[in-house]
């Protein structure tokens, strides 16, 4: 799932990030902002990249501690 191109934010009407696109991160996947070893969001990174309402929506998404394979649901 790509951060800026895909619909993945369940709290927003469009399901997409509303923060202006960062050209350096345009093709990054959501997995880039997850600390896989600890199964938590990289909150400092998220807060530095996204507008506050987007960061809040991202950080509210629960992550599985079981580390399942990525898939769209």
N, C-alpha and C. Protein backbone atom coordinates (compact mmCIF):
# COMPACT_ATOMS: atom_id res chain seq x y z
N UNK A 1 0.85 -1.17 0.00
CA UNK A 1 0.00 0.00 0.00
C UNK A 1 0.90 1.23 0.00
N UNK A 2 0.69 2.12 -0.96
CA UNK A 2 1.52 3.32 -1.06
C UNK A 2 0.89 4.46 -0.26
N UNK A 3 1.74 5.18 0.46
CA UNK A 3 1.30 6.21 1.38
C UNK A 3 0.39 7.25 0.72
N UNK A 4 0.81 7.83 -0.39
CA UNK A 4 0.05 8.92 -0.99
C UNK A 4 -0.90 8.48 -2.09
N UNK A 5 -0.68 7.35 -2.72
CA UNK A 5 -1.50 6.96 -3.86
C UNK A 5 -2.73 6.13 -3.49
N UNK A 6 -2.63 5.35 -2.43
CA UNK A 6 -3.70 4.40 -2.09
C UNK A 6 -4.63 4.93 -1.01
N UNK A 7 -5.81 4.33 -0.96
CA UNK A 7 -6.81 4.65 0.06
C UNK A 7 -6.58 3.70 1.24
N UNK A 8 -6.12 4.25 2.37
CA UNK A 8 -5.80 3.38 3.50
C UNK A 8 -6.08 4.01 4.87
N UNK A 9 -6.56 5.25 4.90
CA UNK A 9 -6.83 5.94 6.16
C UNK A 9 -8.33 5.82 6.46
N UNK A 10 -8.73 4.96 7.40
CA UNK A 10 -10.15 4.72 7.64
C UNK A 10 -10.92 5.89 8.24
N UNK A 11 -10.25 6.87 8.83
CA UNK A 11 -10.94 7.95 9.51
C UNK A 11 -11.34 9.10 8.59
N UNK A 12 -10.71 9.22 7.46
CA UNK A 12 -10.97 10.34 6.56
C UNK A 12 -12.01 9.97 5.50
N UNK A 13 -12.76 10.97 5.02
CA UNK A 13 -13.81 10.72 4.03
C UNK A 13 -13.28 10.09 2.75
N UNK A 14 -12.11 10.51 2.33
CA UNK A 14 -11.56 10.02 1.06
C UNK A 14 -10.72 8.76 1.24
N UNK A 15 -10.41 8.40 2.49
CA UNK A 15 -9.54 7.27 2.81
C UNK A 15 -8.10 7.50 2.34
N UNK A 16 -7.77 8.74 1.98
CA UNK A 16 -6.43 9.07 1.50
C UNK A 16 -5.81 10.15 2.37
N UNK A 17 -4.49 10.21 2.33
CA UNK A 17 -3.74 11.25 3.03
C UNK A 17 -4.08 12.60 2.42
N UNK A 18 -4.30 13.61 3.25
CA UNK A 18 -4.59 14.95 2.74
C UNK A 18 -3.38 15.88 2.84
N UNK A 19 -2.33 15.44 3.54
CA UNK A 19 -1.09 16.20 3.62
C UNK A 19 -0.54 16.37 2.20
N UNK A 20 -0.05 17.56 1.86
CA UNK A 20 0.55 17.73 0.52
C UNK A 20 1.65 16.68 0.30
N UNK A 21 1.72 16.19 -0.91
CA UNK A 21 2.66 15.13 -1.26
C UNK A 21 4.10 15.59 -1.10
N UNK A 22 4.88 14.77 -0.44
CA UNK A 22 6.31 14.98 -0.33
C UNK A 22 6.94 14.23 -1.51
N UNK A 23 7.48 14.93 -2.52
CA UNK A 23 8.01 14.26 -3.71
C UNK A 23 9.08 13.20 -3.40
N UNK A 24 9.84 13.40 -2.35
CA UNK A 24 10.88 12.42 -2.00
C UNK A 24 10.29 11.13 -1.46
N UNK A 25 9.05 11.19 -0.98
CA UNK A 25 8.42 10.01 -0.38
C UNK A 25 7.23 9.51 -1.17
N UNK A 26 7.04 10.02 -2.38
CA UNK A 26 5.83 9.72 -3.15
C UNK A 26 5.59 8.23 -3.35
N UNK A 27 6.63 7.47 -3.58
CA UNK A 27 6.45 6.04 -3.88
C UNK A 27 6.63 5.15 -2.66
N UNK A 28 6.75 5.73 -1.47
CA UNK A 28 6.96 4.93 -0.26
C UNK A 28 5.70 4.15 0.11
N UNK A 29 5.92 2.98 0.66
CA UNK A 29 4.82 2.16 1.14
C UNK A 29 4.55 2.47 2.61
N UNK A 30 3.35 2.14 3.05
CA UNK A 30 2.97 2.36 4.44
C UNK A 30 3.93 1.60 5.37
N UNK A 31 4.44 0.48 4.94
CA UNK A 31 5.36 -0.30 5.77
C UNK A 31 6.60 0.50 6.17
N UNK A 32 6.93 1.55 5.40
CA UNK A 32 8.07 2.40 5.70
C UNK A 32 7.89 3.14 7.03
N UNK A 33 6.66 3.42 7.40
CA UNK A 33 6.41 4.19 8.63
C UNK A 33 6.00 3.29 9.80
N UNK A 34 6.29 2.00 9.67
CA UNK A 34 6.02 1.03 10.74
C UNK A 34 7.34 0.45 11.22
N UNK A 35 7.51 0.40 12.53
CA UNK A 35 8.66 -0.29 13.13
C UNK A 35 8.23 -1.75 13.27
N UNK A 36 8.67 -2.58 12.34
CA UNK A 36 8.22 -3.97 12.28
C UNK A 36 8.70 -4.80 13.46
N UNK A 37 9.86 -4.50 13.99
CA UNK A 37 10.39 -5.27 15.12
C UNK A 37 9.56 -5.08 16.38
N UNK A 38 9.07 -3.86 16.58
CA UNK A 38 8.29 -3.58 17.78
C UNK A 38 6.79 -3.54 17.51
N UNK A 39 6.39 -3.66 16.25
CA UNK A 39 4.99 -3.63 15.82
C UNK A 39 4.28 -2.35 16.28
N UNK A 40 4.96 -1.20 16.02
CA UNK A 40 4.38 0.10 16.35
C UNK A 40 4.64 1.06 15.19
N UNK A 41 3.83 2.10 15.15
CA UNK A 41 4.06 3.15 14.17
C UNK A 41 5.31 3.93 14.54
N UNK A 42 6.02 4.44 13.55
CA UNK A 42 7.17 5.32 13.79
C UNK A 42 6.60 6.72 14.02
N UNK A 43 6.14 6.96 15.24
CA UNK A 43 5.38 8.17 15.54
C UNK A 43 6.16 9.47 15.31
N UNK A 44 7.44 9.50 15.65
CA UNK A 44 8.22 10.72 15.42
C UNK A 44 8.29 11.04 13.92
N UNK A 45 8.53 10.02 13.12
CA UNK A 45 8.59 10.20 11.67
C UNK A 45 7.23 10.66 11.13
N UNK A 46 6.18 10.00 11.58
CA UNK A 46 4.82 10.34 11.12
C UNK A 46 4.49 11.78 11.48
N UNK A 47 4.78 12.18 12.71
CA UNK A 47 4.48 13.55 13.14
C UNK A 47 5.33 14.58 12.40
N UNK A 48 6.48 14.19 11.89
CA UNK A 48 7.32 15.14 11.16
C UNK A 48 6.95 15.26 9.69
N UNK A 49 6.24 14.28 9.15
CA UNK A 49 5.90 14.27 7.73
C UNK A 49 4.49 14.76 7.45
N UNK A 50 3.54 14.35 8.29
CA UNK A 50 2.12 14.57 8.00
C UNK A 50 1.52 15.72 8.80
N UNK A 51 0.47 16.31 8.24
CA UNK A 51 -0.30 17.30 8.98
C UNK A 51 -0.88 16.64 10.22
N UNK A 52 -1.14 17.42 11.28
CA UNK A 52 -1.60 16.82 12.54
C UNK A 52 -2.82 15.90 12.42
N UNK A 53 -3.81 16.28 11.62
CA UNK A 53 -5.01 15.42 11.52
C UNK A 53 -4.69 14.09 10.81
N UNK A 54 -3.80 14.11 9.83
CA UNK A 54 -3.40 12.86 9.17
C UNK A 54 -2.57 12.01 10.13
N UNK A 55 -1.64 12.63 10.84
CA UNK A 55 -0.81 11.89 11.79
C UNK A 55 -1.68 11.23 12.86
N UNK A 56 -2.66 11.96 13.36
CA UNK A 56 -3.57 11.41 14.37
C UNK A 56 -4.34 10.21 13.82
N UNK A 57 -4.80 10.31 12.59
CA UNK A 57 -5.55 9.21 11.96
C UNK A 57 -4.67 7.98 11.76
N UNK A 58 -3.43 8.20 11.33
CA UNK A 58 -2.50 7.09 11.13
C UNK A 58 -2.19 6.41 12.45
N UNK A 59 -1.84 7.20 13.45
CA UNK A 59 -1.44 6.64 14.74
C UNK A 59 -2.60 5.94 15.46
N UNK A 60 -3.83 6.23 15.06
CA UNK A 60 -5.00 5.57 15.65
C UNK A 60 -5.27 4.20 15.05
N UNK A 61 -4.62 3.88 13.93
CA UNK A 61 -4.82 2.58 13.29
C UNK A 61 -4.06 1.53 14.10
N UNK A 62 -4.76 0.52 14.61
CA UNK A 62 -4.07 -0.51 15.39
C UNK A 62 -3.20 -1.40 14.49
N UNK A 63 -2.07 -1.80 15.02
CA UNK A 63 -1.18 -2.70 14.30
C UNK A 63 -1.18 -4.06 15.00
N UNK A 64 -1.08 -5.11 14.22
CA UNK A 64 -1.04 -6.45 14.78
C UNK A 64 0.34 -6.77 15.33
N UNK A 65 0.37 -7.34 16.51
CA UNK A 65 1.65 -7.75 17.10
C UNK A 65 2.08 -9.12 16.55
N UNK A 66 1.20 -9.76 15.78
CA UNK A 66 1.51 -11.08 15.23
C UNK A 66 2.33 -11.00 13.94
N UNK A 67 2.52 -9.81 13.41
CA UNK A 67 3.28 -9.59 12.17
C UNK A 67 2.79 -10.44 11.00
N UNK A 68 1.49 -10.34 10.67
CA UNK A 68 0.98 -11.10 9.51
C UNK A 68 1.51 -10.53 8.21
N UNK A 69 1.38 -11.27 7.14
CA UNK A 69 1.75 -10.79 5.81
C UNK A 69 0.87 -9.60 5.46
N UNK A 70 1.42 -8.61 4.76
CA UNK A 70 0.64 -7.46 4.34
C UNK A 70 -0.46 -7.90 3.38
N UNK A 71 -1.63 -7.30 3.58
CA UNK A 71 -2.73 -7.57 2.66
C UNK A 71 -3.77 -6.48 2.80
N UNK A 72 -4.52 -6.25 1.74
CA UNK A 72 -5.62 -5.29 1.79
C UNK A 72 -6.84 -5.99 2.38
N UNK A 73 -7.53 -5.25 3.21
CA UNK A 73 -8.74 -5.82 3.81
C UNK A 73 -9.94 -4.97 3.50
